[in-house]
Amino acid sequence: MENLTLTYGTKRYAAMTEVQLLAHGVPQATIDEAIAAVRLDTIKADCQRRIYDVLSAETQANIASAAAVIGSVAEADRTTEQADMLAAASEMVDWIAAMRAAVQALAVDTGADYTLDAAWPECPATVIALAADY
């Protein structure tokens, strides 16, 4: 485990190992919380990287803007392409939500290897194609 930085009581402990923290009287529960927080932050960063590998922030913004414009068109007046784009945009939102839900599940399961692709929801092909268009 890497060194931890945490506050216990009124004292701040920086870059210390679990053994060192225990020697300074920091309770195991406080150390465990710090370890869990580090794991959660690491998994969140991995999730963000995985999403951005498919959908950069700019791509997401462009898709959201296009979806808003298409959404202003009456459903009966939308072209097949517009309807398909909205469906893919909806799948994009669902996939991002599934990725975020996976963060929480992976953070709780300390035995789970979040670095494996298999640990994460697969991105739908329609979302990959949508990202390529934007």
C-alpha atoms as a PDB file:
ATOM      1  CA  MET A   1       0.000   0.000   0.000  1.00  0.00           C
ATOM      2  CA  GLU A   2       1.210   3.457  -0.771  1.00  0.00           C
ATOM      3  CA  ASN A   3       1.778   6.058   1.892  1.00  0.00           C
ATOM      4  CA  LEU A   4      -1.303   7.763   3.252  1.00  0.00           C
ATOM      5  CA  THR A   5      -2.032  11.330   4.193  1.00  0.00           C
ATOM      6  CA  LEU A   6      -4.874  11.924   6.611  1.00  0.00           C
ATOM      7  CA  THR A   7      -6.106  14.001   9.502  1.00  0.00           C
ATOM      8  CA  TYR A   8      -6.940  12.400  12.824  1.00  0.00           C
ATOM      9  CA  GLY A   9      -8.127  14.612  15.649  1.00  0.00           C
ATOM     10  CA  THR A  10      -6.265  17.881  15.232  1.00  0.00           C
ATOM     11  CA  LYS A  11      -3.153  16.359  13.680  1.00  0.00           C
ATOM     12  CA  ARG A  12      -2.289  15.887  10.026  1.00  0.00           C
ATOM     13  CA  TYR A  13      -0.223  12.846   9.105  1.00  0.00           C
ATOM     14  CA  ALA A  14       1.487  13.060   5.724  1.00  0.00           C
ATOM     15  CA  ALA A  15       2.987  10.302   3.575  1.00  0.00           C
ATOM     16  CA  MET A  16       2.952   7.640   6.261  1.00  0.00           C
ATOM     17  CA  THR A  17       2.556   3.899   6.065  1.00  0.00           C
ATOM     18  CA  GLU A  18      -0.197   2.059   7.856  1.00  0.00           C
ATOM     19  CA  VAL A  19       2.321   0.799  10.435  1.00  0.00           C
ATOM     20  CA  GLN A  20       3.589   4.324  11.086  1.00  0.00           C
ATOM     21  CA  LEU A  21       0.049   5.651  11.470  1.00  0.00           C
ATOM     22  CA  LEU A  22      -0.809   2.909  13.948  1.00  0.00           C
ATOM     23  CA  ALA A  23       2.376   3.719  15.897  1.00  0.00           C
ATOM     24  CA  HIS A  24       1.189   7.340  16.129  1.00  0.00           C
ATOM     25  CA  GLY A  25      -2.110   6.191  17.635  1.00  0.00           C
ATOM     26  CA  VAL A  26      -4.315   6.526  14.571  1.00  0.00           C
ATOM     27  CA  PRO A  27      -7.120   3.953  14.871  1.00  0.00           C
ATOM     28  CA  GLN A  28      -7.319   1.158  12.297  1.00  0.00           C
ATOM     29  CA  ALA A  29     -10.836   2.275  11.317  1.00  0.00           C
ATOM     30  CA  THR A  30      -9.518   5.739  10.390  1.00  0.00           C
ATOM     31  CA  ILE A  31      -6.694   4.174   8.380  1.00  0.00           C
ATOM     32  CA  ASP A  32      -9.162   1.855   6.628  1.00  0.00           C
ATOM     33  CA  GLU A  33     -11.310   4.865   5.690  1.00  0.00           C
ATOM     34  CA  ALA A  34      -8.258   6.590   4.201  1.00  0.00           C
ATOM     35  CA  ILE A  35      -7.334   3.469   2.231  1.00  0.00           C
ATOM     36  CA  ALA A  36     -10.905   3.185   0.939  1.00  0.00           C
ATOM     37  CA  ALA A  37     -10.896   6.858  -0.079  1.00  0.00           C
ATOM     38  CA  VAL A  38      -7.643   6.413  -2.004  1.00  0.00           C
ATOM     39  CA  ARG A  39      -9.074   3.340  -3.761  1.00  0.00           C
ATOM     40  CA  LEU A  40     -12.270   5.196  -4.656  1.00  0.00           C
ATOM     41  CA  ASP A  41     -10.352   8.177  -6.058  1.00  0.00           C
ATOM     42  CA  THR A  42      -8.108   5.865  -8.094  1.00  0.00           C
ATOM     43  CA  ILE A  43     -11.077   3.963  -9.504  1.00  0.00           C
ATOM     44  CA  LYS A  44     -12.897   7.208 -10.337  1.00  0.00           C
ATOM     45  CA  ALA A  45      -9.839   8.410 -12.261  1.00  0.00           C
ATOM     46  CA  ASP A  46      -9.670   5.114 -14.163  1.00  0.00           C
ATOM     47  CA  CYS A  47     -13.371   5.373 -14.980  1.00  0.00           C
ATOM     48  CA  GLN A  48     -12.953   8.911 -16.285  1.00  0.00           C
ATOM     49  CA  ARG A  49      -9.998   7.841 -18.433  1.00  0.00           C
ATOM     50  CA  ARG A  50     -12.012   4.947 -19.878  1.00  0.00           C
ATOM     51  CA  ILE A  51     -14.953   7.207 -20.717  1.00  0.00           C
ATOM     52  CA  TYR A  52     -12.695   9.863 -22.231  1.00  0.00           C
ATOM     53  CA  ASP A  53     -10.934   7.188 -24.288  1.00  0.00           C
ATOM     54  CA  VAL A  54     -14.250   6.854 -26.153  1.00  0.00           C
ATOM     55  CA  LEU A  55     -15.903  10.227 -25.562  1.00  0.00           C
ATOM     56  CA  SER A  56     -13.778  13.298 -24.900  1.00  0.00           C
ATOM     57  CA  ALA A  57     -15.412  16.151 -23.020  1.00  0.00           C
ATOM     58  CA  GLU A  58     -15.702  18.044 -26.298  1.00  0.00           C
ATOM     59  CA  THR A  59     -17.336  15.074 -28.026  1.00  0.00           C
ATOM     60  CA  GLN A  60     -19.825  14.719 -25.192  1.00  0.00           C
ATOM     61  CA  ALA A  61     -20.654  18.431 -25.402  1.00  0.00           C
ATOM     62  CA  ASN A  62     -21.084  18.254 -29.173  1.00  0.00           C
ATOM     63  CA  ILE A  63     -23.380  15.240 -28.871  1.00  0.00           C
ATOM     64  CA  ALA A  64     -25.427  16.943 -26.152  1.00  0.00           C
ATOM     65  CA  SER A  65     -25.792  20.067 -28.303  1.00  0.00           C
ATOM     66  CA  ALA A  66     -26.860  18.065 -31.348  1.00  0.00           C
ATOM     67  CA  ALA A  67     -29.305  16.045 -29.254  1.00  0.00           C
ATOM     68  CA  ALA A  68     -30.807  19.259 -27.873  1.00  0.00           C
ATOM     69  CA  VAL A  69     -31.331  20.635 -31.363  1.00  0.00           C
ATOM     70  CA  ILE A  70     -32.879  17.368 -32.569  1.00  0.00           C
ATOM     71  CA  GLY A  71     -34.962  17.200 -29.410  1.00  0.00           C
ATOM     72  CA  SER A  72     -36.572  20.505 -30.348  1.00  0.00           C
ATOM     73  CA  VAL A  73     -37.908  18.915 -33.544  1.00  0.00           C
ATOM     74  CA  ALA A  74     -41.311  17.310 -33.145  1.00  0.00           C
ATOM     75  CA  GLU A  75     -40.923  13.544 -32.921  1.00  0.00           C
ATOM     76  CA  ALA A  76     -43.128  12.994 -35.979  1.00  0.00           C
ATOM     77  CA  ASP A  77     -40.943  15.368 -38.003  1.00  0.00           C
ATOM     78  CA  ARG A  78     -37.584  13.777 -37.151  1.00  0.00           C
ATOM     79  CA  THR A  79     -35.642  11.974 -39.823  1.00  0.00           C
ATOM     80  CA  THR A  80     -34.493   8.411 -39.329  1.00  0.00           C
ATOM     81  CA  GLU A  81     -30.943   9.743 -38.879  1.00  0.00           C
ATOM     82  CA  GLN A  82     -32.110  12.137 -36.188  1.00  0.00           C
ATOM     83  CA  ALA A  83     -34.039   9.405 -34.367  1.00  0.00           C
ATOM     84  CA  ASP A  84     -31.014   7.096 -34.573  1.00  0.00           C
ATOM     85  CA  MET A  85     -28.745   9.835 -33.222  1.00  0.00           C
ATOM     86  CA  LEU A  86     -31.049  10.417 -30.246  1.00  0.00           C
ATOM     87  CA  ALA A  87     -31.198   6.679 -29.543  1.00  0.00           C
ATOM     88  CA  ALA A  88     -27.396   6.455 -29.625  1.00  0.00           C
ATOM     89  CA  ALA A  89     -27.122   9.530 -27.394  1.00  0.00           C
ATOM     90  CA  SER A  90     -29.458   7.848 -24.924  1.00  0.00           C
ATOM     91  CA  GLU A  91     -27.251   4.734 -24.995  1.00  0.00           C
ATOM     92  CA  MET A  92     -24.263   6.993 -24.354  1.00  0.00           C
ATOM     93  CA  VAL A  93     -25.905   8.410 -21.237  1.00  0.00           C
ATOM     94  CA  ASP A  94     -26.845   4.908 -20.077  1.00  0.00           C
ATOM     95  CA  TRP A  95     -23.289   3.625 -20.604  1.00  0.00           C
ATOM     96  CA  ILE A  96     -21.770   6.545 -18.680  1.00  0.00           C
ATOM     97  CA  ALA A  97     -24.247   5.907 -15.849  1.00  0.00           C
ATOM     98  CA  ALA A  98     -23.300   2.208 -15.848  1.00  0.00           C
ATOM     99  CA  MET A  99     -19.611   3.155 -15.710  1.00  0.00           C
ATOM    100  CA  ARG A 100     -20.259   5.408 -12.721  1.00  0.00           C
ATOM    101  CA  ALA A 101     -22.229   2.661 -10.988  1.00  0.00           C
ATOM    102  CA  ALA A 102     -19.323   0.283 -11.611  1.00  0.00           C
ATOM    103  CA  VAL A 103     -17.035   2.709  -9.755  1.00  0.00           C
ATOM    104  CA  GLN A 104     -19.027   2.239  -6.580  1.00  0.00           C
ATOM    105  CA  ALA A 105     -19.208  -1.547  -6.930  1.00  0.00           C
ATOM    106  CA  LEU A 106     -15.473  -1.837  -7.640  1.00  0.00           C
ATOM    107  CA  ALA A 107     -14.587   0.447  -4.738  1.00  0.00           C
ATOM    108  CA  VAL A 108     -16.531  -1.684  -2.274  1.00  0.00           C
ATOM    109  CA  ASP A 109     -15.148  -4.991  -3.593  1.00  0.00           C
ATOM    110  CA  THR A 110     -11.517  -4.661  -2.523  1.00  0.00           C
ATOM    111  CA  GLY A 111     -10.712  -7.943  -4.257  1.00  0.00           C
ATOM    112  CA  ALA A 112     -11.921  -6.683  -7.632  1.00  0.00           C
ATOM    113  CA  ASP A 113      -9.282  -5.705 -10.160  1.00  0.00           C
ATOM    114  CA  TYR A 114     -10.545  -2.442 -11.624  1.00  0.00           C
ATOM    115  CA  THR A 115      -7.619  -2.363 -14.074  1.00  0.00           C
ATOM    116  CA  LEU A 116      -9.139  -5.200 -16.103  1.00  0.00           C
ATOM    117  CA  ASP A 117     -11.361  -4.263 -19.033  1.00  0.00           C
ATOM    118  CA  ALA A 118     -13.712  -7.069 -18.000  1.00  0.00           C
ATOM    119  CA  ALA A 119     -14.461  -5.225 -14.747  1.00  0.00           C
ATOM    120  CA  TRP A 120     -16.167  -2.416 -16.660  1.00  0.00           C
ATOM    121  CA  PRO A 121     -19.372  -2.256 -18.737  1.00  0.00           C
ATOM    122  CA  GLU A 122     -18.652  -2.667 -22.421  1.00  0.00           C
ATOM    123  CA  CYS A 123     -19.263   0.429 -24.505  1.00  0.00           C
ATOM    124  CA  PRO A 124     -22.016  -0.195 -27.068  1.00  0.00           C
ATOM    125  CA  ALA A 125     -20.894  -0.132 -30.695  1.00  0.00           C
ATOM    126  CA  THR A 126     -23.528   2.515 -31.416  1.00  0.00           C
ATOM    127  CA  VAL A 127     -21.867   4.835 -28.882  1.00  0.00           C
ATOM    128  CA  ILE A 128     -18.455   4.282 -30.427  1.00  0.00           C
ATOM    129  CA  ALA A 129     -19.903   5.069 -33.862  1.00  0.00           C
ATOM    130  CA  LEU A 130     -21.653   8.154 -32.489  1.00  0.00           C
ATOM    131  CA  ALA A 131     -18.409   9.406 -30.962  1.00  0.00           C
ATOM    132  CA  ALA A 132     -16.670   8.971 -34.311  1.00  0.00           C
ATOM    133  CA  ASP A 133     -19.294  11.218 -35.912  1.00  0.00           C
ATOM    134  CA  TYR A 134     -18.745  14.002 -33.369  1.00  0.00           C
END
